[in-house]
Amino acid sequence: MHWFYLLTGILFTLMILGFAITSLVELEKRAGFLVMISALVFLVIWLGIGTFFPGTSFILATVSWVLFLLGLLILALPFGKPEPLVIDPAKTARFDERHIMFGRAELREGTPQYETYYGDLNPGMKATDDHIRAMPELGAEGSRYFHSLDSPYMVSVFEFIKKYRHLAEPGEPKGEPVALTPEESTRRLKGFARHLGVLDVRATRLRDYHVYSHAGRHHHDWGRKIPVKHKYAVVFSVEMDHRMVHAAPLPPASTETAIEYMRIANIAICLATYIKNLGYAARAHLDGNYQVLATAIAHDSGLGELGRLGLIITPSHGPRVRTAVVTTDIPLVEDRPINFGVQHFCQICKKCAVNCPSQSIAIGEKREVRGVSKWQSRMESCYQFWRSIGTDCSLCLAVCPYSKPNTFCHKIMRFFIKRNPLARKLAFVMDDLLYGKKPRHVEKPSWFSAA
């Protein structure tokens, strides 16, 4: 057996085992065991061929390296430019927050808001919404996954956020505006945001369709027209813990949602306050107190791409993030939308739609919604399922192939996926093979356990 042949076998085996170990660390037992078995089978066959056919070992090793490197080259070639999300500026329109399911769920029969909404704006949804309102609240007793110790985690965090939502408006600018170039203000805001703990931060010009047309979450200003007051928007994300998300649809996933909304709300308020102290108008947009569509801003600023599941898919963590926005008049340098193959990958994948318990995610083709060609989810059936189980489900986040941890192995795959359609198709097949078509069960973190 030629030494080059033996070395080749060892290196290939180590590469395969490296992925297996990474998978086991990520609690991906299926992938870890499958890859580990594959490594052992490969090594046995490789050593067997080298033992019984030693005269061909050098040639076989050389051919193996050529095929391996050629395969990597093909996967890395930038061909077949992926289609971007199609937006027709002439057809874009502002969305009325009164139609958001969270606001509708808070309407109460006998109030002026209730009568206006179901009398004038959306009478066809009265029966559906009444049925949802009669169900237990999220995290409340009576829902499927209610737990007297687990469920209050999420409820407590959201109660805490509610106490400081009013801080989204930091007040009037302090003194005369500090003279800043767009480059300087952008550098400082992004640097401050990253130091405060954001995963990524981008800026864009604020467009009309980024802002809700009317307020629809709180009775005190329900129905008020929302003006487009600011010129720019800064959008940022924080990572959701991989293990917590993969406990979906159990309480750990919804607890993680609440925790990350709390983290990013604090950052948004702090940034808006900093801008105010520089003498510029600013407003934070956070859970329960948005005036803008964070997903639209995140897409237009290049924070990520809009995916089939209706959420922003980021290059490094997929949809496993939460976002918040600060709108402002401080001069900023605009970032541009990015295109790393999400539209094509979502077209062939469909895992979120197939695994959606309420079948709320579109499994078919895109349709145009207010000038945007996208997959449109049904928020009524989605939210109704949330209320039935007492959590925010999050199964779509858990099964999305882009949600994998940002480890070395997955960084390599992400590099290939954005290069060409062949790599995306191969990645989808491998994801099904190694991780399965259905969501896997992950035990609750130890601090969730009673023991």
Protein backbone atom coordinates (compact mmCIF):
# COMPACT_ATOMS: atom_id res chain seq x y z
CA MET A 1 0.00 0.00 0.00
CA HIS A 2 1.49 3.33 -1.07
CA TRP A 3 2.06 5.89 1.71
CA PHE A 4 0.16 8.52 -0.29
CA TYR A 5 -2.84 6.20 -0.47
CA LEU A 6 -2.73 5.57 3.29
CA LEU A 7 -2.38 9.29 4.06
CA THR A 8 -5.29 10.10 1.75
CA GLY A 9 -7.51 7.58 3.53
CA ILE A 10 -6.60 8.98 6.94
CA LEU A 11 -7.23 12.60 5.89
CA PHE A 12 -10.59 11.82 4.29
CA THR A 13 -11.64 9.83 7.36
CA LEU A 14 -10.62 12.65 9.69
CA MET A 15 -12.61 15.18 7.64
CA ILE A 16 -15.71 12.99 7.84
CA LEU A 17 -15.23 12.35 11.56
CA GLY A 18 -14.79 16.07 12.13
CA PHE A 19 -18.26 16.69 10.76
CA ALA A 20 -19.64 13.81 12.83
CA ILE A 21 -18.18 15.22 16.04
CA THR A 22 -19.48 18.69 15.20
CA SER A 23 -22.96 17.24 14.68
CA LEU A 24 -22.91 15.42 18.02
CA VAL A 25 -21.79 18.61 19.80
CA GLU A 26 -24.76 20.36 18.17
CA LEU A 27 -27.00 17.56 19.55
CA GLU A 28 -27.67 16.37 16.00
CA LYS A 29 -27.50 12.68 16.93
CA ARG A 30 -28.89 11.36 13.65
CA ALA A 31 -26.38 13.28 11.54
CA GLY A 32 -23.52 12.47 13.91
CA PHE A 33 -24.13 8.72 13.94
CA LEU A 34 -24.79 8.50 10.20
CA VAL A 35 -21.61 10.36 9.36
CA MET A 36 -19.58 8.40 11.91
CA ILE A 37 -20.76 5.11 10.44
CA SER A 38 -19.99 6.44 6.97
CA ALA A 39 -16.44 7.31 8.09
CA LEU A 40 -15.86 3.81 9.45
CA VAL A 41 -17.30 2.13 6.36
CA PHE A 42 -15.18 4.34 4.12
CA LEU A 43 -12.02 3.53 6.10
CA VAL A 44 -12.64 -0.23 5.99
CA ILE A 45 -13.31 -0.21 2.23
CA TRP A 46 -10.34 2.08 1.60
CA LEU A 47 -7.93 -0.08 3.58
CA GLY A 48 -9.37 -3.22 1.99
CA ILE A 49 -8.77 -1.95 -1.54
CA GLY A 50 -5.28 -0.81 -0.62
CA THR A 51 -4.47 -4.21 0.91
CA PHE A 52 -5.77 -6.42 -1.90
CA PHE A 53 -4.89 -4.12 -4.81
CA PRO A 54 -1.69 -2.36 -3.69
CA GLY A 55 -0.52 -1.73 -7.24
CA THR A 56 -3.41 0.64 -7.91
CA SER A 57 -3.27 2.53 -4.60
CA PHE A 58 -1.26 5.53 -5.80
CA ILE A 59 -3.44 6.01 -8.89
CA LEU A 60 -6.64 5.62 -6.85
CA ALA A 61 -5.47 8.16 -4.27
CA THR A 62 -4.54 10.64 -7.00
CA VAL A 63 -7.89 10.19 -8.76
CA SER A 64 -9.71 10.62 -5.43
CA TRP A 65 -8.00 13.94 -4.76
CA VAL A 66 -8.68 15.15 -8.30
CA LEU A 67 -12.38 14.29 -8.01
CA PHE A 68 -12.61 15.81 -4.54
CA LEU A 69 -10.99 19.09 -5.56
CA LEU A 70 -12.92 19.19 -8.82
CA GLY A 71 -16.17 18.76 -6.89
CA LEU A 72 -15.26 21.62 -4.55
CA LEU A 73 -14.38 23.80 -7.54
CA ILE A 74 -17.73 23.12 -9.24
CA LEU A 75 -19.65 23.88 -6.03
CA ALA A 76 -17.66 27.10 -5.57
CA LEU A 77 -18.13 28.42 -9.11
CA PRO A 78 -20.36 31.53 -9.18
CA PHE A 79 -22.82 30.64 -11.92
CA GLY A 80 -26.59 30.82 -12.23
CA LYS A 81 -27.08 34.16 -10.47
CA PRO A 82 -29.93 33.66 -7.98
CA GLU A 83 -33.11 35.63 -8.47
CA PRO A 84 -33.71 38.41 -5.94
CA LEU A 85 -36.95 39.14 -4.17
CA VAL A 86 -39.10 40.97 -6.74
CA ILE A 87 -40.48 44.30 -5.52
CA ASP A 88 -42.48 46.61 -7.77
CA PRO A 89 -42.04 50.12 -6.34
CA ALA A 90 -45.07 51.33 -8.27
CA LYS A 91 -47.34 48.88 -6.44
CA THR A 92 -45.96 48.99 -2.91
CA ALA A 93 -48.42 50.24 -0.32
CA ARG A 94 -48.44 50.89 3.40
CA PHE A 95 -49.94 48.20 5.62
CA ASP A 96 -52.52 48.90 8.31
CA GLU A 97 -51.34 47.61 11.72
CA ARG A 98 -54.98 47.11 12.70
CA HIS A 99 -54.91 43.96 10.56
CA ILE A 100 -52.06 42.40 12.56
CA MET A 101 -53.26 39.36 14.46
CA PHE A 102 -51.70 40.46 17.76
CA GLY A 103 -53.73 43.69 17.71
CA ARG A 104 -56.94 41.98 16.63
CA ALA A 105 -56.60 39.47 19.47
CA GLU A 106 -56.68 42.37 21.96
CA LEU A 107 -59.94 43.87 20.66
CA ARG A 108 -62.89 43.46 23.03
CA GLU A 109 -66.56 43.28 22.16
CA GLY A 110 -68.47 46.44 23.01
CA THR A 111 -65.50 48.79 22.52
CA PRO A 112 -65.45 51.39 19.71
CA GLN A 113 -62.35 49.71 18.26
CA TYR A 114 -64.13 46.35 18.05
CA GLU A 115 -67.20 47.84 16.38
CA THR A 116 -65.12 49.83 13.89
CA TYR A 117 -62.90 46.94 12.91
CA TYR A 118 -65.58 44.29 12.40
CA GLY A 119 -68.17 46.75 11.18
CA ASP A 120 -66.09 48.61 8.59
CA LEU A 121 -62.57 47.29 8.11
CA ASN A 122 -62.76 43.49 8.21
CA PRO A 123 -66.25 42.10 9.01
CA GLY A 124 -65.44 38.71 7.49
CA MET A 125 -62.93 37.87 10.22
CA LYS A 126 -65.20 38.47 13.23
CA ALA A 127 -66.13 34.81 13.84
CA THR A 128 -62.53 33.61 13.46
CA ASP A 129 -61.15 36.28 15.76
CA ASP A 130 -63.88 35.75 18.37
CA HIS A 131 -62.97 32.06 18.44
CA ILE A 132 -59.27 32.87 18.94
CA ARG A 133 -60.00 35.36 21.71
CA ALA A 134 -61.99 32.67 23.57
CA MET A 135 -58.89 30.43 23.68
CA PRO A 136 -56.32 30.56 26.51
CA GLU A 137 -53.72 33.32 26.27
CA LEU A 138 -50.15 32.39 25.33
CA GLY A 139 -48.54 30.68 28.31
CA ALA A 140 -51.87 30.40 30.13
CA GLU A 141 -53.42 27.37 31.79
CA GLY A 142 -55.61 25.35 29.46
CA SER A 143 -53.24 25.29 26.51
CA ARG A 144 -51.60 22.03 25.42
CA TYR A 145 -48.07 22.74 26.61
CA PHE A 146 -48.90 24.75 29.70
CA HIS A 147 -46.50 24.02 32.55
CA SER A 148 -46.84 25.73 35.92
CA LEU A 149 -43.07 26.34 36.11
CA ASP A 150 -42.04 26.55 32.45
CA SER A 151 -44.75 28.77 30.97
CA PRO A 152 -44.22 31.72 33.36
CA TYR A 153 -40.70 32.20 31.97
CA MET A 154 -42.09 33.56 28.72
CA VAL A 155 -45.01 35.36 30.34
CA SER A 156 -42.72 37.10 32.85
CA VAL A 157 -40.30 38.36 30.21
CA PHE A 158 -43.07 39.78 28.03
CA GLU A 159 -44.64 41.42 31.10
CA PHE A 160 -41.29 43.03 31.80
CA ILE A 161 -40.96 44.31 28.21
CA LYS A 162 -44.46 45.78 28.46
CA LYS A 163 -43.38 47.92 31.41
CA TYR A 164 -40.88 49.92 29.35
CA ARG A 165 -42.41 49.97 25.86
CA HIS A 166 -43.16 53.66 26.36
CA LEU A 167 -39.40 54.33 26.36
CA ALA A 168 -39.40 53.74 22.60
CA GLU A 169 -39.90 57.50 22.27
CA PRO A 170 -36.80 58.95 23.99
CA GLY A 171 -38.07 62.53 23.85
CA GLU A 172 -37.09 65.64 21.94
CA PRO A 173 -33.53 65.98 20.61
CA LYS A 174 -31.11 67.44 23.12
CA GLY A 175 -29.68 70.77 21.98
CA GLU A 176 -28.35 71.57 18.53
CA PRO A 177 -27.44 68.61 16.29
CA VAL A 178 -23.79 67.58 16.47
CA ALA A 179 -22.12 68.06 13.08
CA LEU A 180 -21.51 64.59 11.64
CA THR A 181 -20.84 63.16 8.22
CA PRO A 182 -22.97 60.18 7.20
CA GLU A 183 -19.86 58.01 7.33
CA GLU A 184 -19.01 59.04 10.89
CA SER A 185 -22.52 58.66 12.28
CA THR A 186 -22.92 55.27 10.58
CA ARG A 187 -19.60 54.04 11.94
CA ARG A 188 -20.42 55.16 15.46
CA LEU A 189 -23.97 53.80 15.52
CA LYS A 190 -22.98 50.43 14.11
CA GLY A 191 -20.00 50.17 16.43
CA PHE A 192 -22.10 51.07 19.48
CA ALA A 193 -24.79 48.56 18.48
CA ARG A 194 -22.25 45.76 18.07
CA HIS A 195 -20.68 46.57 21.42
CA LEU A 196 -24.16 46.43 22.97
CA GLY A 197 -24.45 42.88 21.67
CA VAL A 198 -26.15 42.82 18.27
CA LEU A 199 -25.31 40.13 15.76
CA ASP A 200 -25.53 42.41 12.73
CA VAL A 201 -26.62 45.98 12.04
CA ARG A 202 -27.58 47.74 8.80
CA ALA A 203 -29.00 51.08 7.69
CA THR A 204 -31.37 52.11 4.91
CA ARG A 205 -33.45 55.02 3.76
CA LEU A 206 -36.93 54.87 5.29
CA ARG A 207 -39.55 54.25 2.60
CA ASP A 208 -43.31 54.80 2.81
CA TYR A 209 -44.14 51.10 2.75
CA HIS A 210 -41.79 50.50 5.71
CA VAL A 211 -44.21 52.41 7.98
CA TYR A 212 -47.66 51.23 9.11
CA SER A 213 -50.49 53.40 7.84
CA HIS A 214 -52.48 53.26 11.11
CA ALA A 215 -51.74 52.22 14.68
CA GLY A 216 -53.44 49.01 15.72
CA ARG A 217 -51.97 47.56 18.93
CA HIS A 218 -53.12 49.81 21.76
CA HIS A 219 -56.55 51.28 22.50
CA HIS A 220 -55.22 54.72 23.41
CA ASP A 221 -54.04 55.42 19.84
CA TRP A 222 -55.85 52.70 17.86
CA GLY A 223 -56.68 53.90 14.36
CA ARG A 224 -54.35 56.91 14.49
CA LYS A 225 -52.65 57.67 11.20
CA ILE A 226 -48.89 57.18 11.45
CA PRO A 227 -46.77 59.79 9.65
CA VAL A 228 -43.46 58.97 8.00
CA LYS A 229 -41.40 61.28 10.20
CA HIS A 230 -37.83 60.11 9.75
CA LYS A 231 -35.41 59.73 6.84
CA TYR A 232 -33.46 56.63 7.84
CA ALA A 233 -33.82 53.32 9.63
CA VAL A 234 -31.20 51.32 11.51
CA VAL A 235 -32.09 47.63 11.86
CA PHE A 236 -30.22 45.06 13.92
CA SER A 237 -30.49 41.44 14.99
CA VAL A 238 -29.67 39.20 17.93
CA GLU A 239 -29.16 35.45 17.82
CA MET A 240 -31.66 32.99 19.29
CA ASP A 241 -30.05 30.08 21.12
CA HIS A 242 -29.87 27.04 18.86
CA ARG A 243 -30.80 24.49 21.52
CA MET A 244 -33.70 26.55 22.87
CA VAL A 245 -35.17 26.95 19.37
CA HIS A 246 -34.83 23.22 18.69
CA ALA A 247 -37.03 22.46 21.68
CA ALA A 248 -39.92 23.84 19.59
CA PRO A 249 -42.86 23.83 19.99
CA LEU A 250 -42.30 23.45 23.74
CA PRO A 251 -41.94 26.42 26.16
CA PRO A 252 -38.12 26.79 25.84
CA ALA A 253 -38.54 28.06 22.27
CA SER A 254 -41.10 30.72 23.20
CA THR A 255 -39.04 31.66 26.25
CA GLU A 256 -36.05 32.25 23.99
CA THR A 257 -38.22 34.41 21.72
CA ALA A 258 -39.20 36.58 24.67
CA ILE A 259 -35.65 36.81 26.03
CA GLU A 260 -34.21 37.97 22.70
CA TYR A 261 -37.00 40.51 22.24
CA MET A 262 -36.08 41.83 25.68
CA ARG A 263 -32.37 42.03 24.81
CA ILE A 264 -32.90 43.79 21.53
CA ALA A 265 -35.52 46.16 22.97
CA ASN A 266 -32.94 47.41 25.47
CA ILE A 267 -30.44 47.96 22.67
CA ALA A 268 -32.97 49.78 20.50
CA ILE A 269 -33.96 52.15 23.32
CA CYS A 270 -30.31 52.80 24.15
CA LEU A 271 -29.44 53.61 20.51
CA ALA A 272 -32.45 55.90 20.11
CA THR A 273 -31.49 57.72 23.31
CA TYR A 274 -27.90 58.11 22.12
CA ILE A 275 -29.10 59.65 18.86
CA LYS A 276 -31.40 62.01 20.79
CA ASN A 277 -28.43 63.14 22.86
CA LEU A 278 -26.58 63.97 19.64
CA GLY A 279 -29.41 66.36 18.79
CA TYR A 280 -31.31 64.26 16.24
CA ALA A 281 -34.83 62.86 16.25
CA ALA A 282 -35.09 59.10 16.82
CA ARG A 283 -37.57 56.41 17.81
CA ALA A 284 -37.05 52.77 18.82
CA HIS A 285 -39.39 50.12 17.41
CA LEU A 286 -39.62 47.06 19.62
CA ASP A 287 -41.95 44.25 20.63
CA GLY A 288 -45.47 45.57 21.15
CA ASN A 289 -44.55 49.10 20.06
CA TYR A 290 -43.65 49.07 16.38
CA GLN A 291 -44.59 51.75 13.90
CA VAL A 292 -42.65 50.06 11.12
CA LEU A 293 -42.45 46.66 9.42
CA ALA A 294 -39.11 45.39 10.68
CA THR A 295 -38.98 42.56 8.13
CA ALA A 296 -39.32 44.94 5.17
CA ILE A 297 -36.59 47.20 6.55
CA ALA A 298 -34.35 44.23 7.29
CA HIS A 299 -34.64 43.05 3.69
CA ASP A 300 -34.10 46.45 2.09
CA SER A 301 -31.07 47.15 4.28
CA GLY A 302 -29.39 43.84 3.46
CA LEU A 303 -29.71 42.26 6.90
CA GLY A 304 -31.08 39.18 5.14
CA GLU A 305 -33.53 37.87 2.56
CA LEU A 306 -37.24 37.23 2.98
CA GLY A 307 -37.86 33.46 3.05
CA ARG A 308 -40.82 31.17 2.48
CA LEU A 309 -41.68 31.17 6.20
CA GLY A 310 -42.30 34.93 6.10
CA LEU A 311 -39.25 35.82 8.19
CA ILE A 312 -35.88 37.31 7.36
CA ILE A 313 -33.22 34.68 6.66
CA THR A 314 -29.79 36.00 7.54
CA PRO A 315 -26.57 34.72 5.92
CA SER A 316 -25.01 33.40 9.15
CA HIS A 317 -27.94 32.30 11.34
CA GLY A 318 -30.90 31.97 9.00
CA PRO A 319 -34.24 32.96 10.57
CA ARG A 320 -32.89 32.12 14.06
CA VAL A 321 -32.73 35.83 14.97
CA ARG A 322 -34.91 38.59 16.35
CA THR A 323 -34.83 42.14 15.02
CA ALA A 324 -35.60 45.67 16.14
CA VAL A 325 -35.40 49.05 14.42
CA VAL A 326 -34.48 52.64 15.24
CA THR A 327 -35.78 55.29 12.85
CA THR A 328 -33.99 58.64 12.83
CA ASP A 329 -33.03 61.80 10.99
CA ILE A 330 -29.31 61.48 11.69
CA PRO A 331 -27.46 61.26 8.32
CA LEU A 332 -26.48 57.68 7.48
CA VAL A 333 -24.81 55.70 4.69
CA GLU A 334 -27.32 53.30 3.16
CA ASP A 335 -26.65 49.57 2.90
CA ARG A 336 -28.05 47.61 -0.04
CA PRO A 337 -30.19 44.46 -0.26
CA ILE A 338 -28.28 41.19 -0.51
CA ASN A 339 -28.96 38.11 -2.59
CA PHE A 340 -27.41 34.84 -1.47
CA GLY A 341 -29.80 32.32 -3.00
CA VAL A 342 -32.63 32.21 -0.47
CA GLN A 343 -35.41 32.55 -3.06
CA HIS A 344 -34.13 29.54 -4.99
CA PHE A 345 -33.38 27.46 -1.88
CA CYS A 346 -36.84 28.14 -0.41
CA GLN A 347 -38.35 27.19 -3.76
CA ILE A 348 -36.87 23.67 -3.57
CA CYS A 349 -36.82 23.15 0.20
CA LYS A 350 -40.36 23.69 1.60
CA LYS A 351 -39.44 22.16 4.98
CA CYS A 352 -41.08 24.96 6.92
CA ALA A 353 -44.34 24.55 4.99
CA VAL A 354 -44.35 20.75 5.13
CA ASN A 355 -43.75 20.76 8.90
CA CYS A 356 -46.04 23.65 9.79
CA PRO A 357 -48.60 22.09 12.20
CA SER A 358 -51.32 24.53 11.16
CA GLN A 359 -50.41 24.46 7.45
CA SER A 360 -50.18 28.25 7.56
CA ILE A 361 -47.03 28.57 5.44
CA ALA A 362 -47.59 28.57 1.68
CA ILE A 363 -46.31 25.39 0.05
CA GLY A 364 -47.13 26.54 -3.47
CA GLU A 365 -45.87 29.41 -5.58
CA LYS A 366 -45.40 33.04 -4.66
CA ARG A 367 -48.06 35.68 -5.16
CA GLU A 368 -47.90 39.43 -5.33
CA VAL A 369 -48.80 41.18 -2.09
CA ARG A 370 -48.70 44.99 -2.08
CA GLY A 371 -46.10 45.00 -4.84
CA VAL A 372 -43.92 42.22 -3.40
CA SER A 373 -43.77 38.76 -4.97
CA LYS A 374 -43.55 36.44 -1.96
CA TRP A 375 -44.89 33.40 -0.17
CA GLN A 376 -47.80 34.64 1.94
CA SER A 377 -48.51 32.86 5.24
CA ARG A 378 -51.93 32.79 6.91
CA MET A 379 -51.53 34.58 10.24
CA GLU A 380 -54.98 33.60 11.55
CA SER A 381 -54.39 29.85 11.49
CA CYS A 382 -50.81 30.33 12.71
CA TYR A 383 -51.82 32.40 15.72
CA GLN A 384 -54.77 30.13 16.50
CA PHE A 385 -52.34 27.22 16.76
CA TRP A 386 -50.12 29.29 19.06
CA ARG A 387 -53.06 29.88 21.38
CA SER A 388 -53.98 26.18 21.36
CA ILE A 389 -50.50 25.07 22.45
CA GLY A 390 -49.60 28.09 24.61
CA THR A 391 -46.27 28.87 22.86
CA ASP A 392 -45.16 30.63 19.68
CA CYS A 393 -44.48 27.21 18.06
CA SER A 394 -41.22 28.13 16.20
CA LEU A 395 -41.10 24.79 14.37
CA CYS A 396 -40.45 26.64 11.11
CA LEU A 397 -37.30 28.14 12.63
CA ALA A 398 -36.19 24.79 13.99
CA VAL A 399 -36.46 22.89 10.68
CA CYS A 400 -35.03 25.60 8.41
CA PRO A 401 -31.65 24.39 7.05
CA TYR A 402 -30.33 27.96 7.35
CA SER A 403 -30.85 27.82 11.14
CA LYS A 404 -27.83 25.60 11.73
CA PRO A 405 -25.20 26.95 14.16
CA ASN A 406 -22.58 29.16 12.56
CA THR A 407 -19.79 26.62 13.02
CA PHE A 408 -16.90 25.92 10.64
CA CYS A 409 -18.68 23.05 8.84
CA HIS A 410 -21.85 25.05 8.28
CA LYS A 411 -19.89 28.13 7.22
CA ILE A 412 -18.38 26.03 4.43
CA MET A 413 -21.83 24.89 3.30
CA ARG A 414 -23.15 28.46 3.42
CA PHE A 415 -20.25 29.57 1.23
CA PHE A 416 -21.17 27.00 -1.41
CA ILE A 417 -24.94 27.55 -1.17
CA LYS A 418 -24.69 31.19 -2.20
CA ARG A 419 -22.44 30.35 -5.17
CA ASN A 420 -24.68 28.34 -7.51
CA PRO A 421 -27.95 26.36 -7.81
CA LEU A 422 -26.16 23.00 -7.95
CA ALA A 423 -24.72 23.58 -4.47
CA ARG A 424 -28.15 24.57 -3.14
CA LYS A 425 -29.79 21.43 -4.51
CA LEU A 426 -27.01 19.25 -3.09
CA ALA A 427 -27.26 21.00 0.29
CA PHE A 428 -31.01 20.37 0.42
CA VAL A 429 -30.57 16.65 -0.38
CA MET A 430 -27.83 16.29 2.23
CA ASP A 431 -29.92 18.14 4.82
CA ASP A 432 -32.78 15.68 4.29
CA LEU A 433 -30.41 12.71 4.42
CA LEU A 434 -28.44 13.73 7.51
CA TYR A 435 -30.94 15.71 9.57
CA GLY A 436 -34.21 14.21 8.38
CA LYS A 437 -37.35 15.71 6.88
CA LYS A 438 -39.09 16.17 10.21
CA PRO A 439 -38.09 18.24 13.25
CA ARG A 440 -36.04 16.35 15.81
CA HIS A 441 -36.84 16.29 19.50
CA VAL A 442 -34.44 18.10 21.81
CA GLU A 443 -34.67 17.84 25.57
CA LYS A 444 -35.31 20.98 27.57
CA PRO A 445 -32.24 22.71 29.01
CA SER A 446 -31.29 21.55 32.49
CA TRP A 447 -32.50 24.76 34.12
CA PHE A 448 -35.96 24.04 32.74
CA SER A 449 -36.03 20.67 34.51
CA ALA A 450 -37.67 20.10 37.85
CA ALA A 451 -34.78 17.95 39.07
